[in-house]
Amino acid sequence: SKLTTNKVGWQHHNSRSKNV
């Protein structure tokens, strides 16, 4: 559970960073 949440959060953060 924790790993999945961390992975999703990381991907979302990466997407935002890339967008910027």
Protein backbone atom coordinates (compact mmCIF):
# COMPACT_ATOMS: atom_id res chain seq x y z
CA SER A 1 0.00 0.00 0.00
CA LYS A 2 2.67 2.49 1.04
CA LEU A 3 4.87 1.65 -1.94
CA THR A 4 2.01 2.12 -4.39
CA THR A 5 1.10 5.49 -2.90
CA ASN A 6 4.71 6.62 -3.00
CA LYS A 7 5.07 5.55 -6.65
CA VAL A 8 1.91 7.41 -7.71
CA GLY A 9 2.95 10.52 -5.79
CA TRP A 10 6.41 10.44 -7.33
CA GLN A 11 5.03 10.07 -10.85
CA HIS A 12 2.59 12.94 -10.30
CA HIS A 13 5.36 15.16 -8.92
CA ASN A 14 7.66 14.24 -11.82
CA SER A 15 4.92 15.12 -14.33
CA ARG A 16 4.40 18.52 -12.73
CA SER A 17 8.13 19.21 -12.63
CA LYS A 18 8.50 18.23 -16.29
CA ASN A 19 5.54 20.41 -17.26
CA VAL A 20 7.31 23.37 -15.66
